[in-house]
């Protein structure tokens, strides 16, 4: 009788397609998705601190991300200010996943941070100013 009830449970779960909602969303989207992205002055306990879009020269700017999908892949963070470009690769270890990168804002002006997948597809873009 125990075998019958266990088998029935497996069949019902299969028929109802019971699964983790994050995994379902990942399968439907087919890759990495940025759920949230923020700029700030630090990261503590895996969360952004002092969220802002304006920074002082020579200060550190943190980009914090929450992603789903893309487990064992990487996202590429591209920091741009005029002709200056700096890339950082961040591994995705699970789904959902929180990660961050930082850059010293050595130059005044308008900056752009672009997050792409490994194929160069833009997933998110944020702007900030250094003054």
Protein backbone atom coordinates (compact mmCIF):
# COMPACT_ATOMS: atom_id res chain seq x y z
CA UNK A 1 0.00 0.00 0.00
CA UNK A 2 2.89 2.38 0.77
CA UNK A 3 4.30 1.86 -2.73
CA UNK A 4 0.95 2.71 -4.24
CA UNK A 5 0.57 5.99 -2.30
CA UNK A 6 4.14 7.09 -3.06
CA UNK A 7 3.64 6.35 -6.76
CA UNK A 8 0.31 8.20 -6.72
CA UNK A 9 2.02 11.25 -5.16
CA UNK A 10 4.68 11.27 -7.88
CA UNK A 11 2.06 10.97 -10.63
CA UNK A 12 -0.08 13.76 -9.18
CA UNK A 13 2.96 16.06 -8.83
CA UNK A 14 3.86 15.32 -12.46
CA UNK A 15 0.35 15.93 -13.72
CA UNK A 16 0.02 19.19 -11.75
CA UNK A 17 3.58 20.24 -12.72
CA UNK A 18 4.42 21.23 -9.15
CA UNK A 19 7.78 22.99 -9.13
CA UNK A 20 9.70 25.90 -7.67
CA UNK A 21 8.30 29.22 -9.06
CA UNK A 22 11.82 30.63 -9.58
CA UNK A 23 12.75 27.59 -11.68
CA UNK A 24 9.57 27.91 -13.74
CA UNK A 25 10.27 31.58 -14.40
CA UNK A 26 13.88 30.73 -15.33
CA UNK A 27 12.78 28.06 -17.83
CA UNK A 28 10.25 30.41 -19.43
CA UNK A 29 12.70 33.30 -19.77
CA UNK A 30 15.52 31.18 -21.16
CA UNK A 31 18.54 32.75 -19.46
CA UNK A 32 19.73 35.41 -17.07
CA UNK A 33 17.29 38.09 -15.94
CA UNK A 34 18.13 41.09 -13.75
CA UNK A 35 15.36 41.29 -11.15
CA UNK A 36 16.85 44.31 -9.35
CA UNK A 37 19.90 46.54 -9.82
CA UNK A 38 21.01 49.41 -7.60
CA UNK A 39 23.95 51.78 -7.24
CA UNK A 40 25.19 52.79 -3.81
CA UNK A 41 28.10 53.57 -1.55
CA UNK A 42 28.60 50.10 -0.04
CA UNK A 43 27.24 46.56 0.27
CA UNK A 44 26.52 45.06 3.71
CA UNK A 45 24.89 41.71 4.36
CA UNK A 46 24.50 41.26 0.58
CA UNK A 47 22.34 44.39 0.25
CA UNK A 48 23.12 47.86 -1.14
CA UNK A 49 23.86 50.61 1.40
CA UNK A 50 23.25 54.34 0.78
CA UNK A 51 21.60 53.90 -2.62
CA UNK A 52 22.45 56.90 -4.81
CA UNK A 53 23.11 58.07 -8.36
CA UNK A 54 25.53 60.88 -7.48
CA UNK A 55 29.03 60.26 -6.12
CA UNK A 56 32.09 62.27 -5.12
CA UNK A 57 35.30 61.99 -7.17
CA UNK A 58 37.61 59.19 -5.95
CA UNK A 59 34.74 57.48 -4.10
CA UNK A 60 33.84 53.85 -4.57
CA UNK A 61 30.61 53.11 -6.47
CA UNK A 62 28.92 49.77 -5.87
CA UNK A 63 26.59 48.06 -8.33
CA UNK A 64 24.35 45.49 -6.62
CA UNK A 65 22.37 42.92 -8.64
CA UNK A 66 19.73 40.30 -8.01
CA UNK A 67 19.41 37.84 -10.88
CA UNK A 68 17.48 34.71 -11.75
CA UNK A 69 18.58 32.13 -14.26
CA UNK A 70 22.04 31.62 -15.64
CA UNK A 71 23.35 29.37 -12.87
CA UNK A 72 27.07 28.67 -13.48
CA UNK A 73 27.24 31.45 -16.10
CA UNK A 74 28.62 34.98 -15.73
CA UNK A 75 27.35 38.50 -16.21
CA UNK A 76 29.67 41.20 -17.52
CA UNK A 77 29.63 44.63 -15.85
CA UNK A 78 30.96 47.41 -18.09
CA UNK A 79 31.79 50.75 -16.43
CA UNK A 80 32.02 53.58 -19.00
CA UNK A 81 32.98 57.23 -18.73
CA UNK A 82 33.72 58.87 -22.10
CA UNK A 83 36.46 56.74 -23.73
CA UNK A 84 37.37 54.92 -20.48
CA UNK A 85 35.93 51.41 -20.23
CA UNK A 86 36.45 48.81 -17.49
CA UNK A 87 34.94 45.29 -17.45
CA UNK A 88 34.25 43.04 -14.50
CA UNK A 89 32.89 39.47 -14.78
CA UNK A 90 30.63 38.18 -12.03
CA UNK A 91 29.84 34.46 -11.67
CA UNK A 92 26.24 33.39 -11.09
CA UNK A 93 26.21 30.58 -8.53
CA UNK A 94 22.48 29.89 -8.27
CA UNK A 95 19.01 31.21 -8.93
CA UNK A 96 18.06 33.60 -7.49
CA UNK A 97 21.52 35.09 -6.90
CA UNK A 98 22.76 38.38 -5.43
CA UNK A 99 26.13 39.75 -6.46
CA UNK A 100 27.93 43.06 -6.77
CA UNK A 101 30.86 44.90 -8.32
CA UNK A 102 32.58 48.15 -7.44
CA UNK A 103 34.58 50.81 -9.21
CA UNK A 104 36.48 53.83 -7.96
CA UNK A 105 34.97 56.90 -9.63
CA UNK A 106 38.26 58.54 -10.48
CA UNK A 107 36.86 61.01 -13.01
CA UNK A 108 34.08 63.61 -12.80
CA UNK A 109 31.25 63.42 -15.30
CA UNK A 110 28.47 61.14 -16.46
CA UNK A 111 29.04 57.39 -16.12
CA UNK A 112 27.15 54.39 -17.47
CA UNK A 113 27.15 50.86 -16.08
CA UNK A 114 25.98 48.20 -18.52
CA UNK A 115 25.28 44.61 -17.49
CA UNK A 116 25.40 42.01 -20.27
CA UNK A 117 25.34 38.25 -20.58
CA UNK A 118 28.31 36.36 -22.05
CA UNK A 119 26.94 36.88 -25.57
CA UNK A 120 26.89 40.67 -25.14
CA UNK A 121 23.09 40.96 -24.79
CA UNK A 122 22.34 44.02 -22.64
CA UNK A 123 20.40 42.98 -19.55
CA UNK A 124 20.35 46.32 -17.71
CA UNK A 125 21.91 49.77 -17.88
CA UNK A 126 22.25 52.35 -15.10
CA UNK A 127 23.60 55.91 -15.14
CA UNK A 128 25.28 57.94 -12.41
CA UNK A 129 27.18 61.21 -12.08
CA UNK A 130 30.46 61.97 -10.38
CA UNK A 131 30.74 65.58 -9.23
